[in-house]
Amino acid sequence: MTIKIFSSSFCNNNNEIRKAVLKLKGHGKPIVVYGPQACGKTRNTKAIAEHVKRPVVIDDYSYGHPLPAGCVAFTNEEPPWNCKHDNFKVVNFSDIEPLLNT
């Protein structure tokens, strides 16, 4: 699977991300993977993206920015208590990490 990685600064230019999603045939509800700094999210970017079948990655994501379908975003922030999760799925890195070695 080809993986395209964007920094969070591209969240302001969502057209570039959407173009990449279309080009790489990404689909499905966006997924936000959160965990503390240096826990391995970025080091395992490719494995996570392949596991969740999302070819577009947004690193250093901040809640509140729009996410297109077909992407996975990484953040150090825990989901805010008032954050609606209707438009994306939220996964703790510690829950997905054991699945990467299978």
C-alpha atoms as a PDB file:
ATOM      1  CA  MET A   1       0.000   0.000   0.000  1.00  0.00           C
ATOM      2  CA  THR A   2       1.283   3.469  -0.881  1.00  0.00           C
ATOM      3  CA  ILE A   3       1.159   5.811   2.122  1.00  0.00           C
ATOM      4  CA  LYS A   4       1.126   9.614   1.872  1.00  0.00           C
ATOM      5  CA  ILE A   5       2.033  11.530   5.055  1.00  0.00           C
ATOM      6  CA  PHE A   6       1.021  15.141   5.730  1.00  0.00           C
ATOM      7  CA  SER A   7       1.976  17.367   8.638  1.00  0.00           C
ATOM      8  CA  SER A   8      -0.804  19.013  10.603  1.00  0.00           C
ATOM      9  CA  SER A   9      -0.108  22.298   8.800  1.00  0.00           C
ATOM     10  CA  PHE A  10      -1.864  20.765   5.768  1.00  0.00           C
ATOM     11  CA  CYS A  11      -5.130  20.569   7.714  1.00  0.00           C
ATOM     12  CA  ASN A  12      -5.672  24.167   6.654  1.00  0.00           C
ATOM     13  CA  ASN A  13      -5.327  23.078   3.021  1.00  0.00           C
ATOM     14  CA  ASN A  14      -7.721  20.163   3.060  1.00  0.00           C
ATOM     15  CA  ASN A  15      -7.905  20.073  -0.759  1.00  0.00           C
ATOM     16  CA  GLU A  16      -4.397  18.597  -0.977  1.00  0.00           C
ATOM     17  CA  ILE A  17      -5.329  15.903   1.525  1.00  0.00           C
ATOM     18  CA  ARG A  18      -8.590  15.142  -0.286  1.00  0.00           C
ATOM     19  CA  LYS A  19      -6.730  14.826  -3.598  1.00  0.00           C
ATOM     20  CA  ALA A  20      -4.316  12.343  -2.020  1.00  0.00           C
ATOM     21  CA  VAL A  21      -7.217  10.338  -0.540  1.00  0.00           C
ATOM     22  CA  LEU A  22      -8.866  10.129  -3.960  1.00  0.00           C
ATOM     23  CA  LYS A  23      -5.629   9.283  -5.756  1.00  0.00           C
ATOM     24  CA  LEU A  24      -4.758   6.533  -3.267  1.00  0.00           C
ATOM     25  CA  LYS A  25      -8.365   5.272  -3.131  1.00  0.00           C
ATOM     26  CA  GLY A  26      -8.790   5.905   0.589  1.00  0.00           C
ATOM     27  CA  HIS A  27     -12.231   5.322   2.061  1.00  0.00           C
ATOM     28  CA  GLY A  28     -13.943   4.854   5.378  1.00  0.00           C
ATOM     29  CA  LYS A  29     -14.490   7.030   8.406  1.00  0.00           C
ATOM     30  CA  PRO A  30     -11.331   8.906   9.457  1.00  0.00           C
ATOM     31  CA  ILE A  31      -9.464   7.467  12.447  1.00  0.00           C
ATOM     32  CA  VAL A  32      -7.614   9.481  15.093  1.00  0.00           C
ATOM     33  CA  VAL A  33      -4.884   7.549  16.942  1.00  0.00           C
ATOM     34  CA  TYR A  34      -3.802   9.245  20.148  1.00  0.00           C
ATOM     35  CA  GLY A  35      -1.079   8.499  22.655  1.00  0.00           C
ATOM     36  CA  PRO A  36       1.689  10.199  24.605  1.00  0.00           C
ATOM     37  CA  GLN A  37       4.699  11.675  22.878  1.00  0.00           C
ATOM     38  CA  ALA A  38       7.378   9.087  21.984  1.00  0.00           C
ATOM     39  CA  CYS A  39       5.046   6.083  22.423  1.00  0.00           C
ATOM     40  CA  GLY A  40       5.666   4.869  18.845  1.00  0.00           C
ATOM     41  CA  LYS A  41       2.833   6.359  16.794  1.00  0.00           C
ATOM     42  CA  THR A  42       5.073   8.010  14.206  1.00  0.00           C
ATOM     43  CA  ARG A  43       7.609   5.168  14.206  1.00  0.00           C
ATOM     44  CA  ASN A  44       4.772   2.767  13.330  1.00  0.00           C
ATOM     45  CA  THR A  45       3.007   5.064  10.850  1.00  0.00           C
ATOM     46  CA  LYS A  46       3.166   2.704   7.885  1.00  0.00           C
ATOM     47  CA  ALA A  47       2.099  -0.358   9.881  1.00  0.00           C
ATOM     48  CA  ILE A  48      -0.831   1.509  11.445  1.00  0.00           C
ATOM     49  CA  ALA A  49      -1.971   2.991   8.120  1.00  0.00           C
ATOM     50  CA  GLU A  50      -1.863  -0.447   6.500  1.00  0.00           C
ATOM     51  CA  HIS A  51      -3.622  -2.102   9.443  1.00  0.00           C
ATOM     52  CA  VAL A  52      -6.527   0.371   9.406  1.00  0.00           C
ATOM     53  CA  LYS A  53      -6.496   0.527   5.568  1.00  0.00           C
ATOM     54  CA  ARG A  54      -6.121   4.321   5.422  1.00  0.00           C
ATOM     55  CA  PRO A  55      -3.476   5.423   2.859  1.00  0.00           C
ATOM     56  CA  VAL A  56      -3.333   9.069   3.965  1.00  0.00           C
ATOM     57  CA  VAL A  57      -1.733  10.037   7.297  1.00  0.00           C
ATOM     58  CA  ILE A  58      -1.899  13.359   9.120  1.00  0.00           C
ATOM     59  CA  ASP A  59       0.789  13.708  11.797  1.00  0.00           C
ATOM     60  CA  ASP A  60       0.487  16.053  14.810  1.00  0.00           C
ATOM     61  CA  TYR A  61      -3.273  16.417  14.353  1.00  0.00           C
ATOM     62  CA  SER A  62      -5.249  18.777  16.607  1.00  0.00           C
ATOM     63  CA  TYR A  63      -8.914  18.133  17.345  1.00  0.00           C
ATOM     64  CA  GLY A  64     -11.250  20.592  15.701  1.00  0.00           C
ATOM     65  CA  HIS A  65      -9.641  20.461  12.256  1.00  0.00           C
ATOM     66  CA  PRO A  66     -11.703  18.697   9.594  1.00  0.00           C
ATOM     67  CA  LEU A  67     -10.636  15.212   8.538  1.00  0.00           C
ATOM     68  CA  PRO A  68     -11.545  13.759   5.154  1.00  0.00           C
ATOM     69  CA  ALA A  69     -12.733  10.181   4.866  1.00  0.00           C
ATOM     70  CA  GLY A  70      -9.996   7.662   4.154  1.00  0.00           C
ATOM     71  CA  CYS A  71      -7.293   9.067   6.419  1.00  0.00           C
ATOM     72  CA  VAL A  72      -5.703   8.298   9.778  1.00  0.00           C
ATOM     73  CA  ALA A  73      -4.442  11.092  12.024  1.00  0.00           C
ATOM     74  CA  PHE A  74      -1.950  10.925  14.892  1.00  0.00           C
ATOM     75  CA  THR A  75      -1.999  13.169  17.941  1.00  0.00           C
ATOM     76  CA  ASN A  76      -0.509  13.459  21.420  1.00  0.00           C
ATOM     77  CA  GLU A  77      -3.781  14.961  22.663  1.00  0.00           C
ATOM     78  CA  GLU A  78      -6.404  12.910  24.426  1.00  0.00           C
ATOM     79  CA  PRO A  79      -9.852  13.549  22.980  1.00  0.00           C
ATOM     80  CA  PRO A  80     -11.438  16.562  24.685  1.00  0.00           C
ATOM     81  CA  TRP A  81     -14.466  15.713  26.801  1.00  0.00           C
ATOM     82  CA  ASN A  82     -16.635  17.966  24.633  1.00  0.00           C
ATOM     83  CA  CYS A  83     -15.368  16.593  21.303  1.00  0.00           C
ATOM     84  CA  LYS A  84     -18.041  14.880  19.205  1.00  0.00           C
ATOM     85  CA  HIS A  85     -16.819  11.676  17.597  1.00  0.00           C
ATOM     86  CA  ASP A  86     -19.591  11.432  15.013  1.00  0.00           C
ATOM     87  CA  ASN A  87     -17.311  12.178  12.079  1.00  0.00           C
ATOM     88  CA  PHE A  88     -14.296  10.068  13.043  1.00  0.00           C
ATOM     89  CA  LYS A  89     -13.221   7.103  15.154  1.00  0.00           C
ATOM     90  CA  VAL A  90     -10.815   7.562  18.080  1.00  0.00           C
ATOM     91  CA  VAL A  91      -8.333   4.837  19.053  1.00  0.00           C
ATOM     92  CA  ASN A  92      -5.733   4.856  21.821  1.00  0.00           C
ATOM     93  CA  PHE A  93      -2.324   3.805  20.475  1.00  0.00           C
ATOM     94  CA  SER A  94      -1.947   1.309  23.330  1.00  0.00           C
ATOM     95  CA  ASP A  95      -5.038  -0.507  22.006  1.00  0.00           C
ATOM     96  CA  ILE A  96      -3.754  -0.778  18.430  1.00  0.00           C
ATOM     97  CA  GLU A  97      -0.052  -1.438  19.123  1.00  0.00           C
ATOM     98  CA  PRO A  98      -0.456  -5.158  19.968  1.00  0.00           C
ATOM     99  CA  LEU A  99      -2.307  -5.709  16.676  1.00  0.00           C
ATOM    100  CA  LEU A 100       0.625  -4.422  14.613  1.00  0.00           C
ATOM    101  CA  ASN A 101       2.773  -7.473  15.322  1.00  0.00           C
ATOM    102  CA  THR A 102       0.187 -10.021  14.170  1.00  0.00           C
END
